[in-house]
Amino acid sequence: MVSVSVVIATLKPRDEIEAIQCLEQQAFDDFEVIVCDESPVTRARNEGIRRASSDKIVFLDDDSRVRPGYLQKANEVLETEAAYAGRTIHPADDVFARHFTGHYDWGDDACYVRHFWGCNMGVHRDVFRTVGGWDEQMGWGHEEKELARRVSSKFDILYDPELIVDHPYASSITEYWRKQYKLETKSPYYWSKCNISRADQLKNISCEAFDPLNYIRITPTATVVEAGSTVAKTAGRLRGFLSHPQQEADRGEVPEIDRPSQSADPSE
């Protein structure tokens, strides 16, 4: 059995996955990489957990580029911690790095937080045994926030600034807007899981859309990005709200997670 299992959900061929290329350059070699191509991403990650031979499970995106020493540090952290969030860096000096990726970085000191991101996180198997797996009905869009909410209700999530991953947040302004739109189509479903009523959801959408502060930043370029993002978010939320009028009754149950049976004979 290896010390660390790395789960990557992707549709790319294995030899085109940047994350694997970086992992193979690590001095620490007691790990396995599990590539899952199921859809949605949450189902793929659950399948990765089931296939993992280690109880220390690291999640990366296919374009996550881990820094030297990452796996050794992850192995050490998951010896004592239930879950971790690493430090994620957008590898470009652009408007996103300067204004839109602050949520990726909690500073230079380790601390306990309430969120993690799928491009750079680790969770011990015992956590999934307690809170269940990724919500497969949600798919991509707030799935990390939904899982972190359940995890943080039972366990601590450690932010460790030494667990560094370079991961592009967006390559262009239009890509960022499309990403925000797609993300926010899942907001009403997430809000329903937080027991927020349909009336309050609509109120939240309206308040965010009509708040002038959601359209301005300190530079002209950032203001354009922010204004377009607010429009995209509002459109996504409205689509999610109108597409699923029965969301309060349709909240998905999270699957129980454990390794598949090792028995070759079903009758045993």
C-alpha atoms as a PDB file:
ATOM      1  CA  MET A   1       0.000   0.000   0.000  1.00  0.00           C
ATOM      2  CA  VAL A   2       1.279   3.459  -0.890  1.00  0.00           C
ATOM      3  CA  SER A   3       1.364   6.352   1.579  1.00  0.00           C
ATOM      4  CA  VAL A   4      -0.607   8.847  -0.539  1.00  0.00           C
ATOM      5  CA  SER A   5      -3.288   8.444  -3.203  1.00  0.00           C
ATOM      6  CA  VAL A   6      -3.679  11.356  -5.635  1.00  0.00           C
ATOM      7  CA  VAL A   7      -7.084  11.623  -7.345  1.00  0.00           C
ATOM      8  CA  ILE A   8      -7.405  13.592 -10.581  1.00  0.00           C
ATOM      9  CA  ALA A   9     -10.762  13.956 -12.325  1.00  0.00           C
ATOM     10  CA  THR A  10     -10.239  14.717 -16.012  1.00  0.00           C
ATOM     11  CA  LEU A  11     -11.173  13.787 -19.561  1.00  0.00           C
ATOM     12  CA  LYS A  12      -7.587  14.177 -20.784  1.00  0.00           C
ATOM     13  CA  PRO A  13      -5.403  11.195 -21.737  1.00  0.00           C
ATOM     14  CA  ARG A  14      -3.023  10.308 -18.929  1.00  0.00           C
ATOM     15  CA  ASP A  15       0.103  11.361 -20.854  1.00  0.00           C
ATOM     16  CA  GLU A  16      -1.321  14.879 -21.363  1.00  0.00           C
ATOM     17  CA  ILE A  17      -2.050  15.603 -17.691  1.00  0.00           C
ATOM     18  CA  GLU A  18       0.251  18.377 -16.435  1.00  0.00           C
ATOM     19  CA  ALA A  19      -0.319  17.432 -12.816  1.00  0.00           C
ATOM     20  CA  ILE A  20       1.143  13.953 -13.331  1.00  0.00           C
ATOM     21  CA  GLN A  21       4.221  15.354 -15.045  1.00  0.00           C
ATOM     22  CA  CYS A  22       4.906  17.496 -11.963  1.00  0.00           C
ATOM     23  CA  LEU A  23       4.178  14.670  -9.533  1.00  0.00           C
ATOM     24  CA  GLU A  24       6.705  12.441 -11.260  1.00  0.00           C
ATOM     25  CA  GLN A  25       9.402  15.023 -10.495  1.00  0.00           C
ATOM     26  CA  GLN A  26       8.801  14.836  -6.732  1.00  0.00           C
ATOM     27  CA  ALA A  27      11.539  13.364  -4.544  1.00  0.00           C
ATOM     28  CA  PHE A  28       8.790  11.599  -2.573  1.00  0.00           C
ATOM     29  CA  ASP A  29       7.747   8.539  -4.572  1.00  0.00           C
ATOM     30  CA  ASP A  30       5.470   6.568  -2.230  1.00  0.00           C
ATOM     31  CA  PHE A  31       2.269   7.545  -4.020  1.00  0.00           C
ATOM     32  CA  GLU A  32      -0.202   6.487  -6.686  1.00  0.00           C
ATOM     33  CA  VAL A  33      -2.165   8.577  -9.179  1.00  0.00           C
ATOM     34  CA  ILE A  34      -5.789   7.645  -9.861  1.00  0.00           C
ATOM     35  CA  VAL A  35      -7.253   9.254 -12.980  1.00  0.00           C
ATOM     36  CA  CYS A  36     -11.046   9.173 -13.201  1.00  0.00           C
ATOM     37  CA  ASP A  37     -13.049  10.300 -16.235  1.00  0.00           C
ATOM     38  CA  GLU A  38     -16.596   9.812 -14.981  1.00  0.00           C
ATOM     39  CA  SER A  39     -19.068  12.671 -15.295  1.00  0.00           C
ATOM     40  CA  PRO A  40     -19.819  14.770 -13.376  1.00  0.00           C
ATOM     41  CA  VAL A  41     -16.564  15.630 -11.592  1.00  0.00           C
ATOM     42  CA  THR A  42     -18.036  14.778  -8.192  1.00  0.00           C
ATOM     43  CA  ARG A  43     -18.802  11.231  -9.313  1.00  0.00           C
ATOM     44  CA  ALA A  44     -15.272  10.915 -10.668  1.00  0.00           C
ATOM     45  CA  ARG A  45     -13.788  12.040  -7.352  1.00  0.00           C
ATOM     46  CA  ASN A  46     -15.959   9.580  -5.426  1.00  0.00           C
ATOM     47  CA  GLU A  47     -14.778   6.786  -7.696  1.00  0.00           C
ATOM     48  CA  GLY A  48     -11.203   7.905  -7.072  1.00  0.00           C
ATOM     49  CA  ILE A  49     -11.730   7.666  -3.318  1.00  0.00           C
ATOM     50  CA  ARG A  50     -13.108   4.146  -3.643  1.00  0.00           C
ATOM     51  CA  ARG A  51     -10.161   3.052  -5.800  1.00  0.00           C
ATOM     52  CA  ALA A  52      -7.533   4.681  -3.583  1.00  0.00           C
ATOM     53  CA  SER A  53      -5.335   2.233  -1.705  1.00  0.00           C
ATOM     54  CA  SER A  54      -4.246   4.844   0.857  1.00  0.00           C
ATOM     55  CA  ASP A  55      -6.337   6.568   3.512  1.00  0.00           C
ATOM     56  CA  LYS A  56      -4.472   9.822   2.746  1.00  0.00           C
ATOM     57  CA  ILE A  57      -6.226  11.202  -0.320  1.00  0.00           C
ATOM     58  CA  VAL A  58      -5.018  14.256  -2.239  1.00  0.00           C
ATOM     59  CA  PHE A  59      -7.173  15.987  -4.865  1.00  0.00           C
ATOM     60  CA  LEU A  60      -5.647  17.913  -7.757  1.00  0.00           C
ATOM     61  CA  ASP A  61      -6.958  19.286 -11.055  1.00  0.00           C
ATOM     62  CA  ASP A  62      -5.349  18.077 -14.247  1.00  0.00           C
ATOM     63  CA  ASP A  63      -3.560  21.444 -14.619  1.00  0.00           C
ATOM     64  CA  SER A  64      -2.421  21.702 -10.987  1.00  0.00           C
ATOM     65  CA  ARG A  65       1.370  22.022 -10.873  1.00  0.00           C
ATOM     66  CA  VAL A  66       2.631  21.045  -7.439  1.00  0.00           C
ATOM     67  CA  ARG A  67       5.813  22.657  -6.100  1.00  0.00           C
ATOM     68  CA  PRO A  68       8.814  20.574  -4.925  1.00  0.00           C
ATOM     69  CA  GLY A  69       8.211  18.822  -1.607  1.00  0.00           C
ATOM     70  CA  TYR A  70       4.413  18.920  -1.969  1.00  0.00           C
ATOM     71  CA  LEU A  71       3.693  15.201  -1.597  1.00  0.00           C
ATOM     72  CA  GLN A  72       6.085  14.753   1.325  1.00  0.00           C
ATOM     73  CA  LYS A  73       4.355  17.618   3.122  1.00  0.00           C
ATOM     74  CA  ALA A  74       0.881  16.301   2.261  1.00  0.00           C
ATOM     75  CA  ASN A  75       1.828  12.908   3.652  1.00  0.00           C
ATOM     76  CA  GLU A  76       3.018  14.507   6.902  1.00  0.00           C
ATOM     77  CA  VAL A  77      -0.036  16.764   7.288  1.00  0.00           C
ATOM     78  CA  LEU A  78      -2.543  13.945   6.780  1.00  0.00           C
ATOM     79  CA  GLU A  79      -0.816  11.924   9.516  1.00  0.00           C
ATOM     80  CA  THR A  80      -2.414  14.213  12.092  1.00  0.00           C
ATOM     81  CA  GLU A  81      -4.981  16.382  10.288  1.00  0.00           C
ATOM     82  CA  ALA A  82      -8.380  15.367   8.939  1.00  0.00           C
ATOM     83  CA  ALA A  83      -8.204  17.646   5.899  1.00  0.00           C
ATOM     84  CA  TYR A  84      -6.100  20.413   4.435  1.00  0.00           C
ATOM     85  CA  ALA A  85      -6.312  23.310   2.030  1.00  0.00           C
ATOM     86  CA  GLY A  86      -3.093  24.278   0.299  1.00  0.00           C
ATOM     87  CA  ARG A  87      -1.849  27.601  -1.003  1.00  0.00           C
ATOM     88  CA  THR A  88      -2.838  28.050  -4.651  1.00  0.00           C
ATOM     89  CA  ILE A  89      -1.117  30.552  -6.919  1.00  0.00           C
ATOM     90  CA  HIS A  90      -2.396  31.876 -10.233  1.00  0.00           C
ATOM     91  CA  PRO A  91       0.850  31.724 -12.259  1.00  0.00           C
ATOM     92  CA  ALA A  92       0.597  35.024 -14.125  1.00  0.00           C
ATOM     93  CA  ASP A  93       0.987  38.710 -13.342  1.00  0.00           C
ATOM     94  CA  ASP A  94      -2.426  39.827 -14.556  1.00  0.00           C
ATOM     95  CA  VAL A  95      -5.746  41.248 -13.391  1.00  0.00           C
ATOM     96  CA  PHE A  96      -6.762  37.901 -11.870  1.00  0.00           C
ATOM     97  CA  ALA A  97      -3.623  37.595  -9.750  1.00  0.00           C
ATOM     98  CA  ARG A  98      -3.963  41.189  -8.539  1.00  0.00           C
ATOM     99  CA  HIS A  99      -7.696  41.342  -7.859  1.00  0.00           C
ATOM    100  CA  PHE A 100      -9.578  38.046  -8.110  1.00  0.00           C
ATOM    101  CA  THR A 101      -7.633  35.213  -6.472  1.00  0.00           C
ATOM    102  CA  GLY A 102      -7.439  36.360  -2.862  1.00  0.00           C
ATOM    103  CA  HIS A 103      -9.663  33.445  -1.824  1.00  0.00           C
ATOM    104  CA  TYR A 104      -6.849  31.056  -2.799  1.00  0.00           C
ATOM    105  CA  ASP A 105      -4.408  32.358  -0.185  1.00  0.00           C
ATOM    106  CA  TRP A 106      -4.906  32.745   3.581  1.00  0.00           C
ATOM    107  CA  GLY A 107      -1.417  34.152   4.172  1.00  0.00           C
ATOM    108  CA  ASP A 108       1.965  32.932   5.357  1.00  0.00           C
ATOM    109  CA  ASP A 109       0.895  31.267   8.596  1.00  0.00           C
ATOM    110  CA  ALA A 110      -0.868  27.941   9.031  1.00  0.00           C
ATOM    111  CA  CYS A 111      -4.410  28.268  10.371  1.00  0.00           C
ATOM    112  CA  TYR A 112      -7.728  26.477  10.403  1.00  0.00           C
ATOM    113  CA  VAL A 113     -10.225  27.473   7.720  1.00  0.00           C
ATOM    114  CA  ARG A 114     -13.685  26.491   6.529  1.00  0.00           C
ATOM    115  CA  HIS A 115     -13.023  26.038   2.806  1.00  0.00           C
ATOM    116  CA  PHE A 116     -10.813  24.141   0.407  1.00  0.00           C
ATOM    117  CA  TRP A 117     -10.502  24.002  -3.370  1.00  0.00           C
ATOM    118  CA  GLY A 118     -10.428  20.913  -5.575  1.00  0.00           C
ATOM    119  CA  CYS A 119      -7.217  21.947  -7.324  1.00  0.00           C
ATOM    120  CA  ASN A 120      -5.207  21.687  -4.074  1.00  0.00           C
ATOM    121  CA  MET A 121      -6.660  19.802  -1.118  1.00  0.00           C
ATOM    122  CA  GLY A 122      -6.354  16.616   0.890  1.00  0.00           C
ATOM    123  CA  VAL A 123      -8.829  14.638   2.991  1.00  0.00           C
ATOM    124  CA  HIS A 124      -8.350  11.554   5.161  1.00  0.00           C
ATOM    125  CA  ARG A 125     -10.626   8.640   4.281  1.00  0.00           C
ATOM    126  CA  ASP A 126     -12.090   8.630   7.797  1.00  0.00           C
ATOM    127  CA  VAL A 127     -13.651  12.027   7.021  1.00  0.00           C
ATOM    128  CA  PHE A 128     -15.569  10.616   4.058  1.00  0.00           C
ATOM    129  CA  ARG A 129     -16.682   7.670   6.170  1.00  0.00           C
ATOM    130  CA  THR A 130     -18.217  10.178   8.575  1.00  0.00           C
ATOM    131  CA  VAL A 131     -19.707  12.888   6.322  1.00  0.00           C
ATOM    132  CA  GLY A 132     -20.163  10.995   3.037  1.00  0.00           C
ATOM    133  CA  GLY A 133     -18.648  11.682  -0.345  1.00  0.00           C
ATOM    134  CA  TRP A 134     -18.946  14.449  -2.911  1.00  0.00           C
ATOM    135  CA  ASP A 135     -22.513  15.398  -3.852  1.00  0.00           C
ATOM    136  CA  GLU A 136     -22.909  13.790  -7.285  1.00  0.00           C
ATOM    137  CA  GLN A 137     -26.077  15.719  -8.087  1.00  0.00           C
ATOM    138  CA  MET A 138     -24.207  19.011  -7.791  1.00  0.00           C
ATOM    139  CA  GLY A 139     -21.414  18.316 -10.247  1.00  0.00           C
ATOM    140  CA  TRP A 140     -19.033  21.218 -10.923  1.00  0.00           C
ATOM    141  CA  GLY A 141     -20.020  24.439  -9.210  1.00  0.00           C
ATOM    142  CA  HIS A 142     -19.748  24.993  -5.437  1.00  0.00           C
ATOM    143  CA  GLU A 143     -19.059  21.294  -4.921  1.00  0.00           C
ATOM    144  CA  GLU A 144     -15.982  22.061  -2.801  1.00  0.00           C
ATOM    145  CA  LYS A 145     -17.941  24.589  -0.747  1.00  0.00           C
ATOM    146  CA  GLU A 146     -20.719  22.048  -0.169  1.00  0.00           C
ATOM    147  CA  LEU A 147     -18.280  19.331   0.912  1.00  0.00           C
ATOM    148  CA  ALA A 148     -16.261  21.731   3.074  1.00  0.00           C
ATOM    149  CA  ARG A 149     -19.441  22.753   4.869  1.00  0.00           C
ATOM    150  CA  ARG A 150     -20.074  19.157   5.904  1.00  0.00           C
ATOM    151  CA  VAL A 151     -16.434  18.459   6.725  1.00  0.00           C
ATOM    152  CA  SER A 152     -15.966  21.592   8.855  1.00  0.00           C
ATOM    153  CA  SER A 153     -19.070  20.718  10.888  1.00  0.00           C
ATOM    154  CA  LYS A 154     -17.232  17.621  12.183  1.00  0.00           C
ATOM    155  CA  PHE A 155     -13.514  18.164  11.578  1.00  0.00           C
ATOM    156  CA  ASP A 156     -10.849  20.849  11.303  1.00  0.00           C
ATOM    157  CA  ILE A 157      -9.507  21.907   7.903  1.00  0.00           C
ATOM    158  CA  LEU A 158      -5.886  23.036   8.104  1.00  0.00           C
ATOM    159  CA  TYR A 159      -4.567  25.676   5.735  1.00  0.00           C
ATOM    160  CA  ASP A 160      -0.865  25.005   5.206  1.00  0.00           C
ATOM    161  CA  PRO A 161       0.996  27.655   3.150  1.00  0.00           C
ATOM    162  CA  GLU A 162       3.800  25.198   2.363  1.00  0.00           C
ATOM    163  CA  LEU A 163       1.456  23.052   0.259  1.00  0.00           C
ATOM    164  CA  ILE A 164       1.833  25.146  -2.872  1.00  0.00           C
ATOM    165  CA  VAL A 165       0.213  24.502  -6.237  1.00  0.00           C
ATOM    166  CA  ASP A 166       0.382  26.702  -9.326  1.00  0.00           C
ATOM    167  CA  HIS A 167      -3.028  26.645 -10.947  1.00  0.00           C
ATOM    168  CA  PRO A 168      -4.402  29.065 -13.577  1.00  0.00           C
ATOM    169  CA  TYR A 169      -7.613  30.731 -12.443  1.00  0.00           C
ATOM    170  CA  ALA A 170      -8.594  31.981 -15.901  1.00  0.00           C
ATOM    171  CA  SER A 171      -6.729  32.617 -19.135  1.00  0.00           C
ATOM    172  CA  SER A 172      -8.887  35.495 -20.340  1.00  0.00           C
ATOM    173  CA  ILE A 173     -11.631  37.842 -19.180  1.00  0.00           C
ATOM    174  CA  THR A 174     -14.275  36.117 -21.295  1.00  0.00           C
ATOM    175  CA  GLU A 175     -13.248  32.723 -19.934  1.00  0.00           C
ATOM    176  CA  TYR A 176     -13.612  34.122 -16.426  1.00  0.00           C
ATOM    177  CA  TRP A 177     -17.109  35.384 -17.181  1.00  0.00           C
ATOM    178  CA  ARG A 178     -18.130  32.006 -18.625  1.00  0.00           C
ATOM    179  CA  LYS A 179     -16.702  30.302 -15.543  1.00  0.00           C
ATOM    180  CA  GLN A 180     -18.689  32.569 -13.221  1.00  0.00           C
ATOM    181  CA  TYR A 181     -21.889  31.952 -15.159  1.00  0.00           C
ATOM    182  CA  LYS A 182     -21.494  28.170 -15.051  1.00  0.00           C
ATOM    183  CA  LEU A 183     -20.517  28.222 -11.383  1.00  0.00           C
ATOM    184  CA  GLU A 184     -23.525  30.257 -10.343  1.00  0.00           C
ATOM    185  CA  THR A 185     -26.062  28.023 -12.065  1.00  0.00           C
ATOM    186  CA  LYS A 186     -25.429  25.738  -9.070  1.00  0.00           C
ATOM    187  CA  SER A 187     -25.931  28.432  -6.421  1.00  0.00           C
ATOM    188  CA  PRO A 188     -29.689  27.868  -5.934  1.00  0.00           C
ATOM    189  CA  TYR A 189     -29.088  24.147  -5.429  1.00  0.00           C
ATOM    190  CA  TYR A 190     -26.351  24.876  -2.883  1.00  0.00           C
ATOM    191  CA  TRP A 191     -28.545  27.418  -1.112  1.00  0.00           C
ATOM    192  CA  SER A 192     -31.325  24.841  -0.883  1.00  0.00           C
ATOM    193  CA  LYS A 193     -28.909  22.457   0.820  1.00  0.00           C
ATOM    194  CA  CYS A 194     -28.192  25.266   3.300  1.00  0.00           C
ATOM    195  CA  ASN A 195     -31.956  25.465   3.977  1.00  0.00           C
ATOM    196  CA  ILE A 196     -32.335  28.876   2.321  1.00  0.00           C
ATOM    197  CA  SER A 197     -35.921  29.273   1.084  1.00  0.00           C
ATOM    198  CA  ARG A 198     -36.798  30.021  -2.528  1.00  0.00           C
ATOM    199  CA  ALA A 199     -38.017  33.474  -1.527  1.00  0.00           C
ATOM    200  CA  ASP A 200     -34.738  34.289   0.208  1.00  0.00           C
ATOM    201  CA  GLN A 201     -32.773  32.907  -2.741  1.00  0.00           C
ATOM    202  CA  LEU A 202     -34.543  35.306  -5.090  1.00  0.00           C
ATOM    203  CA  LYS A 203     -33.928  38.130  -2.651  1.00  0.00           C
ATOM    204  CA  ASN A 204     -30.209  37.286  -2.542  1.00  0.00           C
ATOM    205  CA  ILE A 205     -30.010  37.252  -6.347  1.00  0.00           C
ATOM    206  CA  SER A 206     -31.724  40.637  -6.594  1.00  0.00           C
ATOM    207  CA  CYS A 207     -29.665  42.279  -3.859  1.00  0.00           C
ATOM    208  CA  GLU A 208     -26.389  41.137  -5.410  1.00  0.00           C
ATOM    209  CA  ALA A 209     -27.466  42.227  -8.889  1.00  0.00           C
ATOM    210  CA  PHE A 210     -28.510  45.737  -7.833  1.00  0.00           C
ATOM    211  CA  ASP A 211     -25.650  46.486  -5.438  1.00  0.00           C
ATOM    212  CA  PRO A 212     -23.432  49.130  -7.150  1.00  0.00           C
ATOM    213  CA  LEU A 213     -20.383  47.889  -5.226  1.00  0.00           C
ATOM    214  CA  ASN A 214     -20.546  44.656  -7.209  1.00  0.00           C
ATOM    215  CA  TYR A 215     -19.724  46.552 -10.406  1.00  0.00           C
ATOM    216  CA  ILE A 216     -16.629  48.523  -9.446  1.00  0.00           C
ATOM    217  CA  ARG A 217     -12.983  47.885  -8.533  1.00  0.00           C
ATOM    218  CA  ILE A 218     -10.006  50.165  -8.008  1.00  0.00           C
ATOM    219  CA  THR A 219      -8.721  50.000 -11.611  1.00  0.00           C
ATOM    220  CA  PRO A 220     -10.581  50.361 -14.928  1.00  0.00           C
ATOM    221  CA  THR A 221      -9.653  46.854 -16.106  1.00  0.00           C
ATOM    222  CA  ALA A 222     -10.684  45.272 -12.822  1.00  0.00           C
ATOM    223  CA  THR A 223     -13.950  47.225 -12.961  1.00  0.00           C
ATOM    224  CA  VAL A 224     -14.742  45.800 -16.402  1.00  0.00           C
ATOM    225  CA  VAL A 225     -13.988  42.283 -15.154  1.00  0.00           C
ATOM    226  CA  GLU A 226     -16.059  42.766 -11.997  1.00  0.00           C
ATOM    227  CA  ALA A 227     -19.055  44.303 -13.778  1.00  0.00           C
ATOM    228  CA  GLY A 228     -19.148  41.568 -16.387  1.00  0.00           C
ATOM    229  CA  SER A 229     -18.747  38.959 -13.670  1.00  0.00           C
ATOM    230  CA  THR A 230     -21.726  40.319 -11.734  1.00  0.00           C
ATOM    231  CA  VAL A 231     -23.895  40.178 -14.862  1.00  0.00           C
ATOM    232  CA  ALA A 232     -22.703  36.623 -15.602  1.00  0.00           C
ATOM    233  CA  LYS A 233     -23.296  35.527 -11.998  1.00  0.00           C
ATOM    234  CA  THR A 234     -26.811  36.988 -11.984  1.00  0.00           C
ATOM    235  CA  ALA A 235     -27.688  35.262 -15.265  1.00  0.00           C
ATOM    236  CA  GLY A 236     -26.323  31.954 -13.974  1.00  0.00           C
ATOM    237  CA  ARG A 237     -28.204  32.197 -10.692  1.00  0.00           C
ATOM    238  CA  LEU A 238     -31.464  33.033 -12.443  1.00  0.00           C
ATOM    239  CA  ARG A 239     -31.045  30.104 -14.802  1.00  0.00           C
ATOM    240  CA  GLY A 240     -30.361  27.757 -11.896  1.00  0.00           C
ATOM    241  CA  PHE A 241     -33.310  29.166  -9.968  1.00  0.00           C
ATOM    242  CA  LEU A 242     -35.762  28.837 -12.859  1.00  0.00           C
ATOM    243  CA  SER A 243     -34.488  25.497 -14.134  1.00  0.00           C
ATOM    244  CA  HIS A 244     -35.034  23.669 -10.863  1.00  0.00           C
ATOM    245  CA  PRO A 245     -38.242  24.921  -9.232  1.00  0.00           C
ATOM    246  CA  GLN A 246     -38.383  21.868  -6.968  1.00  0.00           C
ATOM    247  CA  GLN A 247     -34.833  22.111  -5.659  1.00  0.00           C
ATOM    248  CA  GLU A 248     -35.877  22.082  -2.018  1.00  0.00           C
ATOM    249  CA  ALA A 249     -37.346  18.607  -2.607  1.00  0.00           C
ATOM    250  CA  ASP A 250     -34.548  17.482  -4.927  1.00  0.00           C
ATOM    251  CA  ARG A 251     -31.504  17.885  -2.702  1.00  0.00           C
ATOM    252  CA  GLY A 252     -29.213  14.982  -3.487  1.00  0.00           C
ATOM    253  CA  GLU A 253     -28.157  12.518  -0.848  1.00  0.00           C
ATOM    254  CA  VAL A 254     -24.388  12.170  -0.584  1.00  0.00           C
ATOM    255  CA  PRO A 255     -23.071   8.643  -1.140  1.00  0.00           C
ATOM    256  CA  GLU A 256     -21.419   6.575   1.539  1.00  0.00           C
ATOM    257  CA  ILE A 257     -17.751   6.151   0.765  1.00  0.00           C
ATOM    258  CA  ASP A 258     -15.416   3.259   1.459  1.00  0.00           C
ATOM    259  CA  ARG A 259     -13.186   0.911  -0.458  1.00  0.00           C
ATOM    260  CA  PRO A 260     -14.957  -1.692  -2.631  1.00  0.00           C
ATOM    261  CA  SER A 261     -15.020  -5.188  -1.230  1.00  0.00           C
ATOM    262  CA  GLN A 262     -11.775  -7.116  -1.715  1.00  0.00           C
ATOM    263  CA  SER A 263     -13.618 -10.417  -1.920  1.00  0.00           C
ATOM    264  CA  ALA A 264     -13.416 -12.063  -5.332  1.00  0.00           C
ATOM    265  CA  ASP A 265     -16.361 -14.342  -4.545  1.00  0.00           C
ATOM    266  CA  PRO A 266     -19.674 -12.537  -3.931  1.00  0.00           C
ATOM    267  CA  SER A 267     -20.910 -15.530  -1.940  1.00  0.00           C
ATOM    268  CA  GLU A 268     -18.139 -15.213   0.639  1.00  0.00           C
END
